[in-house]
N, C-alpha and C. Protein backbone atom coordinates (compact mmCIF):
# COMPACT_ATOMS: atom_id res chain seq x y z
N MET A 1 -18.00 51.43 82.75
CA MET A 1 -16.51 52.56 82.60
C MET A 1 -16.50 53.69 81.91
N THR A 2 -16.07 54.38 82.13
CA THR A 2 -16.11 55.89 81.99
C THR A 2 -14.87 55.67 80.59
N HIS A 3 -14.58 56.64 79.43
CA HIS A 3 -13.92 56.77 78.75
C HIS A 3 -12.25 57.25 79.91
N THR A 4 -12.64 58.01 80.56
CA THR A 4 -11.24 58.46 80.94
C THR A 4 -10.65 57.15 82.13
N THR A 5 -11.62 56.26 82.25
CA THR A 5 -10.77 54.71 83.00
C THR A 5 -9.94 53.90 81.97
N THR A 6 -9.88 54.09 81.01
CA THR A 6 -9.33 52.35 80.37
C THR A 6 -8.45 51.89 80.86
N PRO A 7 -8.37 51.07 81.06
CA PRO A 7 -7.18 49.59 81.12
C PRO A 7 -5.69 50.35 80.64
N ASP A 8 -5.51 50.94 79.79
CA ASP A 8 -4.01 51.40 79.41
C ASP A 8 -4.01 52.48 80.25
N ILE A 9 -4.31 53.37 80.80
CA ILE A 9 -4.64 54.68 81.41
C ILE A 9 -4.47 53.63 82.87
N LEU A 10 -5.23 53.14 83.39
CA LEU A 10 -5.17 52.64 84.75
C LEU A 10 -4.08 51.87 84.51
N ASN A 11 -3.19 50.79 83.56
CA ASN A 11 -2.19 50.03 83.89
C ASN A 11 -0.95 51.33 83.93
N ARG A 12 -1.14 52.02 83.23
CA ARG A 12 0.22 53.01 83.35
C ARG A 12 0.34 53.40 84.81
N LEU A 13 -0.59 54.44 85.56
CA LEU A 13 -0.80 54.73 86.60
C LEU A 13 -0.62 53.66 87.82
N LYS A 14 -1.24 52.47 87.27
CA LYS A 14 -0.81 51.41 89.10
C LYS A 14 0.86 50.85 88.66
N ARG A 15 1.25 51.08 87.75
CA ARG A 15 2.92 50.75 87.29
C ARG A 15 3.32 51.97 88.03
N ALA A 16 2.84 53.21 87.32
CA ALA A 16 4.09 54.21 88.37
C ALA A 16 3.76 54.37 89.79
N GLN A 17 2.68 53.78 90.57
CA GLN A 17 2.07 53.95 91.78
C GLN A 17 3.19 52.81 92.24
N GLY A 18 3.16 51.69 91.78
CA GLY A 18 4.20 50.51 92.22
C GLY A 18 5.59 51.11 92.04
N HIS A 19 6.09 51.83 91.16
CA HIS A 19 7.49 52.19 91.36
C HIS A 19 7.74 53.23 92.26
N PHE A 20 6.90 54.35 92.09
CA PHE A 20 6.95 55.26 93.25
C PHE A 20 7.00 54.79 94.73
N ALA A 21 6.32 53.60 95.22
CA ALA A 21 6.28 52.89 96.27
C ALA A 21 7.98 52.30 96.45
N LYS A 22 8.21 51.65 95.41
CA LYS A 22 9.75 51.27 95.88
C LYS A 22 10.52 52.35 95.53
N ILE A 23 10.41 53.26 95.59
CA ILE A 23 11.40 54.75 95.62
C ILE A 23 11.24 55.41 96.85
N VAL A 24 10.03 55.42 97.30
CA VAL A 24 10.03 55.84 99.14
C VAL A 24 10.80 54.51 99.70
N GLN A 25 10.96 53.19 99.51
CA GLN A 25 11.54 52.19 100.00
C GLN A 25 13.49 52.28 100.10
N MET A 26 13.43 52.96 98.81
CA MET A 26 15.00 53.08 98.53
C MET A 26 15.58 54.54 99.69
N VAL A 27 14.41 55.13 99.82
CA VAL A 27 14.45 56.71 100.85
C VAL A 27 14.73 56.20 101.99
N GLU A 28 13.83 55.58 102.43
CA GLU A 28 13.98 54.80 103.61
C GLU A 28 15.36 54.26 103.64
N GLU A 29 15.39 53.08 103.03
CA GLU A 29 16.56 52.62 103.33
C GLU A 29 18.11 53.45 102.80
N GLY A 30 17.84 54.53 102.81
CA GLY A 30 19.31 55.20 102.65
C GLY A 30 19.86 55.02 101.50
N ARG A 31 19.17 54.95 100.42
CA ARG A 31 19.83 54.78 99.05
C ARG A 31 20.67 55.88 98.18
N ASP A 32 21.55 55.49 98.09
CA ASP A 32 22.14 57.22 97.21
C ASP A 32 21.41 57.88 96.53
N ALA A 33 21.46 59.02 96.43
CA ALA A 33 20.50 60.19 95.88
C ALA A 33 20.33 59.94 94.19
N LEU A 34 21.62 59.85 93.85
CA LEU A 34 21.47 59.73 91.97
C LEU A 34 20.56 58.65 91.38
N THR A 35 20.75 57.52 92.36
CA THR A 35 20.28 56.66 92.16
C THR A 35 18.55 56.77 91.90
N ILE A 36 18.12 57.21 93.27
CA ILE A 36 16.58 57.83 93.45
C ILE A 36 16.17 58.65 92.97
N ALA A 37 17.16 59.90 92.53
CA ALA A 37 16.75 61.13 91.65
C ALA A 37 16.33 60.14 89.78
N GLN A 38 17.25 59.28 89.67
CA GLN A 38 16.93 58.60 88.14
C GLN A 38 15.69 57.83 88.28
N GLN A 39 15.15 57.26 89.48
CA GLN A 39 14.35 56.27 89.61
C GLN A 39 12.94 57.30 89.71
N LEU A 40 12.85 58.74 90.12
CA LEU A 40 12.05 59.56 90.53
C LEU A 40 11.80 60.41 88.51
N GLN A 41 12.68 60.49 88.36
CA GLN A 41 12.73 60.93 86.82
C GLN A 41 11.28 59.92 85.74
N ALA A 42 11.89 58.28 85.89
CA ALA A 42 11.18 57.47 85.45
C ALA A 42 9.68 57.40 85.49
N VAL A 43 9.50 57.70 87.07
CA VAL A 43 8.14 57.93 87.83
C VAL A 43 7.51 59.24 86.81
N VAL A 44 8.13 60.40 87.09
CA VAL A 44 7.61 61.34 85.99
C VAL A 44 7.26 61.07 84.82
N LYS A 45 7.85 60.84 84.18
CA LYS A 45 8.01 59.93 82.65
C LYS A 45 6.51 59.43 82.27
N ALA A 46 6.59 58.13 83.38
CA ALA A 46 5.72 57.43 83.29
C ALA A 46 4.38 58.08 83.42
N VAL A 47 4.31 58.83 84.45
CA VAL A 47 2.84 59.95 84.58
C VAL A 47 2.67 60.92 83.73
N ASP A 48 3.76 61.23 83.01
CA ASP A 48 3.45 62.32 82.12
C ASP A 48 3.16 61.55 80.75
N LYS A 49 3.46 60.14 80.47
CA LYS A 49 2.55 59.50 79.59
C LYS A 49 1.51 58.81 79.71
N ALA A 50 0.97 58.96 80.90
CA ALA A 50 -0.17 58.60 80.99
C ALA A 50 -1.37 59.84 80.81
N LYS A 51 -1.10 61.04 81.45
CA LYS A 51 -1.05 62.50 80.97
C LYS A 51 -1.95 62.53 79.61
N ILE A 52 -0.76 62.27 78.69
CA ILE A 52 -0.83 62.29 77.77
C ILE A 52 -1.71 61.56 76.56
N ALA A 53 -1.65 59.85 77.45
CA ALA A 53 -3.35 59.26 76.87
C ALA A 53 -3.72 59.29 77.23
N LEU A 54 -4.33 60.13 78.26
CA LEU A 54 -5.90 60.81 79.26
C LEU A 54 -6.64 61.67 78.41
N VAL A 55 -5.51 62.73 77.89
CA VAL A 55 -5.65 63.67 77.33
C VAL A 55 -6.21 63.22 75.66
N LEU A 56 -5.52 62.86 75.14
CA LEU A 56 -5.75 62.03 73.87
C LEU A 56 -7.14 61.51 73.43
N HIS A 57 -6.89 60.74 74.16
CA HIS A 57 -8.25 59.76 74.90
C HIS A 57 -9.64 60.66 74.97
N HIS A 58 -9.61 61.74 76.00
CA HIS A 58 -10.38 62.56 75.97
C HIS A 58 -10.95 63.28 74.78
N ILE A 59 -10.00 63.83 73.97
CA ILE A 59 -10.16 64.55 72.58
C ILE A 59 -11.05 63.68 72.15
N GLU A 60 -10.28 62.37 71.33
CA GLU A 60 -11.17 61.65 70.64
C GLU A 60 -12.21 61.23 71.04
N HIS A 61 -12.63 60.72 71.74
CA HIS A 61 -13.85 60.76 72.48
C HIS A 61 -15.03 61.64 72.58
N HIS A 62 -14.73 62.79 72.80
CA HIS A 62 -15.64 64.17 72.52
C HIS A 62 -15.48 64.55 71.20
N LEU A 63 -14.83 64.42 70.17
CA LEU A 63 -15.04 64.35 68.90
C LEU A 63 -15.97 63.63 68.25
N GLU A 64 -15.89 61.79 68.81
CA GLU A 64 -16.75 61.23 68.19
C GLU A 64 -17.99 61.53 68.96
N GLU A 65 -18.29 62.45 70.08
CA GLU A 65 -19.46 62.08 70.58
C GLU A 65 -20.35 63.71 69.89
N ALA A 66 -19.36 64.41 69.47
CA ALA A 66 -20.01 65.59 68.80
C ALA A 66 -20.14 65.51 67.38
N THR A 67 -19.61 64.53 66.67
CA THR A 67 -19.33 64.19 64.86
C THR A 67 -19.95 63.17 64.76
N GLY A 68 -19.91 62.02 65.32
CA GLY A 68 -19.98 60.75 65.09
C GLY A 68 -18.99 59.87 64.58
N PRO A 69 -18.65 58.70 64.27
CA PRO A 69 -17.78 58.05 64.02
C PRO A 69 -16.89 59.20 63.22
N LEU A 70 -15.53 58.83 63.77
CA LEU A 70 -14.54 59.52 62.91
C LEU A 70 -13.98 59.05 61.86
N PRO A 71 -13.57 59.94 60.43
CA PRO A 71 -13.43 58.83 59.39
C PRO A 71 -11.93 58.58 59.41
N ILE A 72 -11.03 57.84 58.48
CA ILE A 72 -10.04 57.33 58.44
C ILE A 72 -9.17 58.40 58.91
N GLN A 73 -9.57 59.59 57.54
CA GLN A 73 -8.10 60.66 57.47
C GLN A 73 -8.34 61.36 58.91
N THR A 74 -9.36 61.28 59.85
CA THR A 74 -8.88 62.35 60.81
C THR A 74 -8.59 61.31 62.13
N ARG A 75 -8.68 59.96 62.24
CA ARG A 75 -7.85 59.33 62.64
C ARG A 75 -6.63 59.36 62.39
N ALA A 76 -6.23 59.60 61.13
CA ALA A 76 -4.81 59.50 61.05
C ALA A 76 -4.64 60.68 61.50
N ARG A 77 -5.11 61.64 61.27
CA ARG A 77 -4.44 63.25 61.56
C ARG A 77 -4.37 63.32 63.28
N LEU A 78 -5.33 62.46 63.95
CA LEU A 78 -5.05 62.53 65.64
C LEU A 78 -3.74 61.29 65.89
N SER A 79 -3.56 60.76 65.13
CA SER A 79 -2.60 59.67 65.32
C SER A 79 -1.10 60.73 65.13
N GLU A 80 -1.12 61.30 64.03
CA GLU A 80 0.01 62.45 63.91
C GLU A 80 -0.51 63.38 65.20
N MET A 81 -1.20 63.82 65.48
CA MET A 81 -1.05 65.10 66.92
C MET A 81 -0.77 63.94 67.87
N ALA A 82 -1.05 62.95 67.91
CA ALA A 82 -0.18 61.81 69.19
C ALA A 82 1.02 62.13 69.26
N GLU A 83 1.73 61.75 67.90
CA GLU A 83 3.34 61.83 67.72
C GLU A 83 3.75 62.96 68.51
N ILE A 84 3.12 64.42 67.96
CA ILE A 84 3.76 65.60 68.36
C ILE A 84 4.04 65.96 69.69
N ILE A 85 2.87 65.14 70.28
CA ILE A 85 2.30 65.76 71.62
C ILE A 85 3.71 65.00 72.52
N LYS A 86 4.13 64.41 72.18
CA LYS A 86 4.87 63.52 73.10
C LYS A 86 6.32 64.58 73.41
N TYR A 87 6.74 65.40 72.69
CA TYR A 87 7.77 66.34 72.44
C TYR A 87 7.18 67.86 73.25
N LEU A 88 6.16 67.44 74.15
CA LEU A 88 5.61 68.87 74.56
C LEU A 88 6.12 68.96 76.63
């Protein structure tokens, strides 16, 4: 398993995939546009969260690869970065 296939990221993407399949079904059934749009927004948000998790994991992985184990203070700073990235 590479650092880009962590269980958390895969789980997020699989949930989004399943949710998206349900949306396709809703469109095929002729459900109303407002409901479909709301569900599409939920999938977009889920994919965004998976993307953020992937990027943060990638940064942490390569930092440790370059510098060795990260000190507690550095991990704390990375956690702070993760919190603010949610607002991008």
